[in-house]
N, C-alpha and C. Protein backbone atom coordinates (compact mmCIF):
# COMPACT_ATOMS: atom_id res chain seq x y z
N UNK A 1 95.16 141.95 155.84
CA UNK A 1 95.76 140.67 156.19
C UNK A 1 97.09 140.92 156.89
N UNK A 2 97.32 140.20 157.94
CA UNK A 2 98.53 140.35 158.74
C UNK A 2 99.73 139.69 158.05
N UNK A 3 100.91 140.29 158.16
CA UNK A 3 102.09 139.68 157.54
C UNK A 3 102.53 138.40 158.25
N UNK A 4 102.01 138.11 159.45
CA UNK A 4 102.40 136.93 160.19
C UNK A 4 101.58 135.69 159.82
N UNK A 5 100.61 135.86 158.98
CA UNK A 5 99.77 134.73 158.60
C UNK A 5 100.31 134.07 157.34
N UNK A 6 100.19 132.79 157.30
CA UNK A 6 100.61 132.03 156.13
C UNK A 6 99.50 132.14 155.09
N UNK A 7 99.86 132.45 153.88
CA UNK A 7 98.85 132.63 152.84
C UNK A 7 98.16 131.33 152.46
N UNK A 8 98.79 130.20 152.67
CA UNK A 8 98.22 128.93 152.23
C UNK A 8 97.08 128.46 153.11
N UNK A 9 97.36 128.44 154.46
CA UNK A 9 96.31 127.90 155.31
C UNK A 9 95.90 128.84 156.44
N UNK A 10 96.35 130.07 156.41
CA UNK A 10 95.97 131.12 157.36
C UNK A 10 96.25 130.74 158.81
N UNK A 11 97.33 130.04 159.10
CA UNK A 11 97.75 129.73 160.46
C UNK A 11 99.07 130.47 160.74
N UNK A 12 99.36 130.72 162.01
CA UNK A 12 100.62 131.37 162.39
C UNK A 12 101.79 130.41 162.13
N UNK A 13 102.92 130.96 161.66
CA UNK A 13 104.11 130.13 161.47
C UNK A 13 104.73 129.85 162.82
N UNK A 14 105.16 128.63 163.04
CA UNK A 14 105.78 128.25 164.29
C UNK A 14 107.13 127.60 164.00
N UNK A 15 108.09 127.75 164.95
CA UNK A 15 109.37 127.09 164.83
C UNK A 15 110.42 127.98 164.16
N UNK A 16 111.60 127.40 163.99
CA UNK A 16 112.73 128.08 163.40
C UNK A 16 113.03 127.49 162.04
N UNK A 17 113.56 128.32 161.20
CA UNK A 17 114.03 127.78 159.92
C UNK A 17 115.44 127.24 160.13
N UNK A 18 115.91 126.48 159.21
CA UNK A 18 117.25 125.90 159.30
C UNK A 18 118.30 127.00 159.31
N UNK A 19 118.12 128.04 158.58
CA UNK A 19 119.05 129.16 158.53
C UNK A 19 119.15 129.85 159.90
N UNK A 20 118.05 130.08 160.55
CA UNK A 20 118.07 130.69 161.88
C UNK A 20 118.78 129.80 162.88
N UNK A 21 118.57 128.54 162.80
CA UNK A 21 119.22 127.59 163.70
C UNK A 21 120.73 127.57 163.48
N UNK A 22 121.17 127.52 162.25
CA UNK A 22 122.60 127.50 161.94
C UNK A 22 123.27 128.80 162.38
N UNK A 23 122.61 129.92 162.17
CA UNK A 23 123.18 131.21 162.57
C UNK A 23 123.31 131.32 164.09
N UNK A 24 122.32 130.89 164.82
CA UNK A 24 122.39 130.98 166.29
C UNK A 24 123.45 130.03 166.85
N UNK A 25 123.60 128.85 166.29
CA UNK A 25 124.65 127.93 166.74
C UNK A 25 126.03 128.48 166.41
N UNK A 26 126.17 129.11 165.24
CA UNK A 26 127.45 129.71 164.86
C UNK A 26 127.83 130.84 165.80
N UNK A 27 126.90 131.70 166.13
CA UNK A 27 127.18 132.79 167.06
C UNK A 27 127.54 132.27 168.45
N UNK A 28 126.82 131.27 168.90
CA UNK A 28 127.13 130.68 170.21
C UNK A 28 128.53 130.08 170.22
N UNK A 29 128.93 129.43 169.13
CA UNK A 29 130.26 128.84 169.04
C UNK A 29 131.33 129.92 169.07
N UNK A 30 131.11 131.01 168.38
CA UNK A 30 132.07 132.11 168.37
C UNK A 30 132.22 132.71 169.77
N UNK A 31 131.10 132.92 170.46
CA UNK A 31 131.16 133.48 171.80
C UNK A 31 131.87 132.54 172.78
N UNK A 32 131.60 131.26 172.70
CA UNK A 32 132.24 130.30 173.60
C UNK A 32 133.73 130.21 173.31
N UNK A 33 134.10 130.22 172.04
CA UNK A 33 135.53 130.18 171.68
C UNK A 33 136.28 131.40 172.17
N UNK A 34 135.68 132.57 172.07
CA UNK A 34 136.30 133.80 172.55
C UNK A 34 136.46 133.76 174.07
N UNK A 35 135.43 133.31 174.75
CA UNK A 35 135.51 133.22 176.21
C UNK A 35 136.59 132.23 176.65
N UNK A 36 136.70 131.11 175.97
CA UNK A 36 137.73 130.12 176.31
C UNK A 36 139.13 130.68 176.10
N UNK A 37 139.31 131.45 175.05
CA UNK A 37 140.62 132.05 174.78
C UNK A 37 141.01 133.01 175.90
N UNK A 38 140.10 133.88 176.29
CA UNK A 38 140.41 134.84 177.34
C UNK A 38 140.55 134.15 178.70
N UNK A 39 139.84 133.08 178.92
CA UNK A 39 139.97 132.34 180.18
C UNK A 39 141.35 131.71 180.29
N UNK A 40 141.82 131.07 179.22
CA UNK A 40 143.15 130.45 179.27
C UNK A 40 144.24 131.50 179.42
N UNK A 41 144.06 132.66 178.81
CA UNK A 41 145.02 133.74 178.96
C UNK A 41 145.04 134.23 180.41
N UNK A 42 143.89 134.32 181.04
CA UNK A 42 143.82 134.74 182.44
C UNK A 42 144.49 133.73 183.35
N UNK A 43 144.34 132.45 183.05
CA UNK A 43 145.00 131.41 183.85
C UNK A 43 146.51 131.53 183.75
N UNK A 44 147.03 131.73 182.53
CA UNK A 44 148.48 131.88 182.35
C UNK A 44 149.01 133.13 183.04
N UNK A 45 148.26 134.21 183.01
CA UNK A 45 148.67 135.43 183.71
C UNK A 45 148.72 135.19 185.22
N UNK A 46 147.74 134.49 185.74
CA UNK A 46 147.72 134.19 187.18
C UNK A 46 148.89 133.31 187.58
N UNK A 47 149.22 132.32 186.75
CA UNK A 47 150.38 131.47 187.05
C UNK A 47 151.67 132.27 187.03
N UNK A 48 151.80 133.19 186.08
CA UNK A 48 152.98 134.04 186.02
C UNK A 48 153.10 134.93 187.25
N UNK A 49 152.00 135.48 187.70
CA UNK A 49 152.00 136.31 188.91
C UNK A 49 152.37 135.49 190.14
N UNK A 50 151.84 134.29 190.21
CA UNK A 50 152.16 133.41 191.33
C UNK A 50 153.64 133.04 191.33
N UNK A 51 154.19 132.79 190.16
CA UNK A 51 155.62 132.47 190.06
C UNK A 51 156.46 133.66 190.50
N UNK A 52 156.11 134.86 190.08
CA UNK A 52 156.87 136.04 190.50
C UNK A 52 156.86 136.19 192.01
N UNK A 53 155.69 136.00 192.63
CA UNK A 53 155.60 136.13 194.08
C UNK A 53 156.42 135.05 194.79
N UNK A 54 156.38 133.84 194.28
CA UNK A 54 157.17 132.75 194.86
C UNK A 54 158.66 133.06 194.78
N UNK A 55 159.10 133.57 193.63
CA UNK A 55 160.52 133.91 193.47
C UNK A 55 160.93 135.05 194.39
N UNK A 56 160.06 136.04 194.55
CA UNK A 56 160.38 137.16 195.45
C UNK A 56 160.54 136.66 196.88
N UNK A 57 159.60 135.86 197.35
CA UNK A 57 159.66 135.36 198.73
C UNK A 57 160.86 134.44 198.96
N UNK A 58 161.15 133.59 197.98
CA UNK A 58 162.28 132.67 198.12
C UNK A 58 163.60 133.44 198.12
N UNK A 59 163.71 134.43 197.26
CA UNK A 59 164.94 135.24 197.22
C UNK A 59 165.11 136.03 198.52
N UNK A 60 164.02 136.50 199.11
CA UNK A 60 164.10 137.17 200.41
C UNK A 60 164.61 136.20 201.47
N UNK A 61 164.12 134.97 201.44
CA UNK A 61 164.55 133.97 202.42
C UNK A 61 166.04 133.65 202.25
N UNK A 62 166.50 133.55 201.01
CA UNK A 62 167.93 133.29 200.76
C UNK A 62 168.77 134.45 201.29
N UNK A 63 168.33 135.69 201.05
CA UNK A 63 169.06 136.85 201.55
C UNK A 63 169.08 136.91 203.08
N UNK A 64 167.95 136.59 203.72
CA UNK A 64 167.92 136.56 205.19
C UNK A 64 168.85 135.49 205.74
N UNK A 65 168.89 134.33 205.08
CA UNK A 65 169.80 133.27 205.50
C UNK A 65 171.25 133.76 205.40
N UNK A 66 171.56 134.43 204.31
CA UNK A 66 172.93 134.94 204.11
C UNK A 66 173.29 135.97 205.18
N UNK A 67 172.35 136.86 205.50
CA UNK A 67 172.62 137.88 206.52
C UNK A 67 172.81 137.25 207.90
N UNK A 68 172.07 136.18 208.17
CA UNK A 68 172.16 135.55 209.49
C UNK A 68 173.40 134.67 209.64
N UNK A 69 173.80 133.98 208.57
CA UNK A 69 174.89 133.01 208.70
C UNK A 69 176.18 133.42 207.99
N UNK A 70 176.10 134.38 207.07
CA UNK A 70 177.30 134.80 206.36
C UNK A 70 177.64 133.90 205.17
N UNK A 71 176.77 132.97 204.84
CA UNK A 71 176.97 132.09 203.69
C UNK A 71 175.61 131.78 203.07
N UNK A 72 175.65 131.29 201.85
CA UNK A 72 174.41 130.91 201.18
C UNK A 72 174.06 129.47 201.53
N UNK A 73 172.77 129.13 201.56
CA UNK A 73 172.38 127.76 201.90
C UNK A 73 172.84 126.78 200.83
N UNK A 74 173.21 125.59 201.26
CA UNK A 74 173.64 124.55 200.31
C UNK A 74 172.44 123.96 199.57
N UNK A 75 171.32 123.80 200.27
CA UNK A 75 170.12 123.22 199.68
C UNK A 75 168.90 123.98 200.19
N UNK A 76 167.76 123.68 199.62
CA UNK A 76 166.51 124.26 200.13
C UNK A 76 166.20 123.73 201.52
N UNK A 77 166.69 122.54 201.83
CA UNK A 77 166.42 121.95 203.14
C UNK A 77 166.95 122.82 204.27
N UNK A 78 168.05 123.53 204.04
CA UNK A 78 168.57 124.42 205.07
C UNK A 78 167.63 125.59 205.33
N UNK A 79 166.88 125.99 204.33
CA UNK A 79 165.93 127.08 204.51
C UNK A 79 164.66 126.62 205.23
N UNK A 80 164.31 125.35 205.08
CA UNK A 80 163.06 124.84 205.64
C UNK A 80 163.23 124.05 206.94
N UNK A 81 164.42 123.56 207.22
CA UNK A 81 164.58 122.66 208.36
C UNK A 81 164.77 123.39 209.69
N UNK A 82 165.29 124.59 209.67
CA UNK A 82 165.54 125.29 210.93
C UNK A 82 166.79 124.80 211.62
N UNK A 83 167.72 124.21 210.89
CA UNK A 83 168.95 123.67 211.47
C UNK A 83 169.82 124.78 212.05
N UNK A 84 169.72 125.98 211.54
CA UNK A 84 170.53 127.10 212.04
C UNK A 84 169.79 127.94 213.07
N UNK A 85 168.72 127.41 213.59
CA UNK A 85 167.98 128.11 214.62
C UNK A 85 166.80 128.92 214.10
N UNK A 86 166.63 128.99 212.79
CA UNK A 86 165.51 129.76 212.23
C UNK A 86 164.99 129.05 210.99
N UNK A 87 163.70 129.14 210.79
CA UNK A 87 163.07 128.59 209.59
C UNK A 87 162.78 129.77 208.66
N UNK A 88 163.35 129.72 207.46
CA UNK A 88 163.19 130.82 206.52
C UNK A 88 162.05 130.58 205.53
N UNK A 89 161.75 129.32 205.26
CA UNK A 89 160.62 128.94 204.41
C UNK A 89 159.88 127.80 205.08
N UNK A 90 158.57 127.76 204.97
CA UNK A 90 157.80 126.68 205.57
C UNK A 90 158.01 125.36 204.84
N UNK A 91 158.08 125.43 203.52
CA UNK A 91 158.34 124.24 202.72
C UNK A 91 159.02 124.66 201.42
N UNK A 92 159.46 123.67 200.68
CA UNK A 92 160.15 123.96 199.43
C UNK A 92 159.17 124.63 198.47
N UNK A 93 159.61 125.69 197.77
CA UNK A 93 158.68 126.41 196.89
C UNK A 93 158.20 125.56 195.72
N UNK A 94 156.98 125.85 195.30
CA UNK A 94 156.33 125.13 194.20
C UNK A 94 156.33 126.03 192.97
N UNK A 95 156.73 125.47 191.83
CA UNK A 95 156.74 126.22 190.57
C UNK A 95 155.39 126.02 189.88
N UNK A 96 154.53 127.04 189.82
CA UNK A 96 153.20 126.86 189.23
C UNK A 96 153.23 126.70 187.71
N UNK A 97 154.30 127.10 187.07
CA UNK A 97 154.39 126.99 185.61
C UNK A 97 154.70 125.56 185.21
N UNK A 98 155.79 125.01 185.76
CA UNK A 98 156.15 123.63 185.41
C UNK A 98 155.43 122.61 186.29
N UNK A 99 154.73 123.09 187.32
CA UNK A 99 153.94 122.27 188.24
C UNK A 99 154.78 121.19 188.91
N UNK A 100 155.98 121.59 189.36
CA UNK A 100 156.88 120.71 190.09
C UNK A 100 157.53 121.50 191.23
N UNK A 101 158.31 120.81 192.02
CA UNK A 101 159.12 121.45 193.06
C UNK A 101 160.57 121.58 192.60
N UNK A 102 160.83 121.36 191.33
CA UNK A 102 162.18 121.46 190.78
C UNK A 102 162.45 122.88 190.30
N UNK A 103 163.66 123.35 190.53
CA UNK A 103 164.06 124.70 190.15
C UNK A 103 165.44 124.63 189.50
N UNK A 104 165.79 125.69 188.79
CA UNK A 104 167.16 125.86 188.32
C UNK A 104 167.86 126.66 189.41
N UNK A 105 168.92 126.08 189.96
CA UNK A 105 169.66 126.71 191.03
C UNK A 105 170.81 127.51 190.42
N UNK A 106 170.92 128.77 190.81
CA UNK A 106 172.05 129.61 190.41
C UNK A 106 172.98 129.66 191.62
N UNK A 107 174.20 129.16 191.43
CA UNK A 107 175.16 129.13 192.53
C UNK A 107 175.97 130.42 192.57
N UNK A 108 176.77 130.59 193.61
CA UNK A 108 177.56 131.81 193.78
C UNK A 108 178.48 132.05 192.59
N UNK A 109 178.98 131.02 191.99
CA UNK A 109 179.91 131.16 190.87
C UNK A 109 179.19 131.55 189.58
N UNK A 110 177.86 131.55 189.59
CA UNK A 110 177.10 131.85 188.39
C UNK A 110 176.69 130.61 187.62
N UNK A 111 177.19 129.45 188.06
CA UNK A 111 176.83 128.18 187.44
C UNK A 111 175.38 127.85 187.75
N UNK A 112 174.72 127.15 186.84
CA UNK A 112 173.33 126.75 187.07
C UNK A 112 173.21 125.23 187.03
N UNK A 113 172.36 124.69 187.90
CA UNK A 113 172.06 123.26 187.95
C UNK A 113 170.61 123.09 188.35
N UNK A 114 170.06 121.93 188.03
CA UNK A 114 168.73 121.60 188.51
C UNK A 114 168.79 121.32 190.00
N UNK A 115 167.70 121.60 190.70
CA UNK A 115 167.69 121.40 192.15
C UNK A 115 167.78 119.94 192.53
N UNK A 116 167.54 119.03 191.59
CA UNK A 116 167.63 117.60 191.90
C UNK A 116 169.07 117.11 191.85
N UNK A 117 169.98 117.89 191.26
CA UNK A 117 171.39 117.51 191.18
C UNK A 117 172.14 118.07 192.38
N UNK A 118 173.28 117.45 192.75
CA UNK A 118 174.06 117.99 193.87
C UNK A 118 174.66 119.36 193.52
N UNK A 119 174.62 120.25 194.48
CA UNK A 119 175.14 121.59 194.26
C UNK A 119 175.55 122.18 195.61
N UNK A 120 176.29 123.27 195.58
CA UNK A 120 176.67 123.97 196.80
C UNK A 120 176.39 125.45 196.61
N UNK A 121 175.74 126.04 197.57
CA UNK A 121 175.49 127.47 197.55
C UNK A 121 174.32 127.89 196.69
N UNK A 122 173.14 127.97 197.28
CA UNK A 122 171.96 128.44 196.56
C UNK A 122 171.97 129.96 196.60
N UNK A 123 172.42 130.58 195.51
CA UNK A 123 172.49 132.04 195.42
C UNK A 123 171.18 132.62 194.89
N UNK A 124 170.56 131.92 193.95
CA UNK A 124 169.31 132.38 193.33
C UNK A 124 168.61 131.17 192.75
N UNK A 125 167.33 131.31 192.43
CA UNK A 125 166.59 130.25 191.76
C UNK A 125 165.86 130.83 190.55
N UNK A 126 165.60 129.94 189.60
CA UNK A 126 164.84 130.31 188.40
C UNK A 126 163.90 129.17 188.06
N UNK A 127 162.88 129.50 187.30
CA UNK A 127 161.92 128.48 186.88
C UNK A 127 162.55 127.58 185.83
N UNK A 128 162.12 126.34 185.79
CA UNK A 128 162.62 125.42 184.77
C UNK A 128 161.94 125.64 183.42
N UNK A 129 160.88 126.42 183.39
CA UNK A 129 160.19 126.72 182.15
C UNK A 129 160.99 127.76 181.35
N UNK A 130 161.26 127.50 180.08
CA UNK A 130 162.06 128.46 179.29
C UNK A 130 161.39 129.83 179.14
N UNK A 131 160.06 129.88 179.14
CA UNK A 131 159.37 131.16 178.99
C UNK A 131 159.54 132.06 180.21
N UNK A 132 159.72 131.46 181.37
CA UNK A 132 159.79 132.22 182.62
C UNK A 132 161.16 132.10 183.29
N UNK A 133 162.16 131.76 182.53
CA UNK A 133 163.50 131.51 183.08
C UNK A 133 164.11 132.76 183.67
N UNK A 134 163.85 133.92 183.10
CA UNK A 134 164.52 135.15 183.54
C UNK A 134 163.66 136.01 184.47
N UNK A 135 162.68 135.45 185.14
CA UNK A 135 161.88 136.20 186.10
C UNK A 135 162.68 136.46 187.34
């Protein structure tokens, strides 16, 4: 007699037991949860990399402006408008972490202000996000 036959009515067993169903759903949930965790971590890493590249390019533009004019730009508009005969940035940089165009402006004196407030002398910029402030 085959072990796959039911002793009561000699027919093949069909379907899943409740235990098999619960175990397969549990495993699927664990796998999906793990994948979601690593996906969100990859997204945050990509945003951090994008922020670093934006800061590098913006700082290069500020340095080029300083070399060309002998002073630091008063606003981002001076870097994008071409008022001094050259365009250093195509548009105002976007912060992928805070998802805004607002930045913390570091002035020549070392003072910091938000880019939405009046300021003079854009020496450096930083992200408004506390986790990425020192990039």
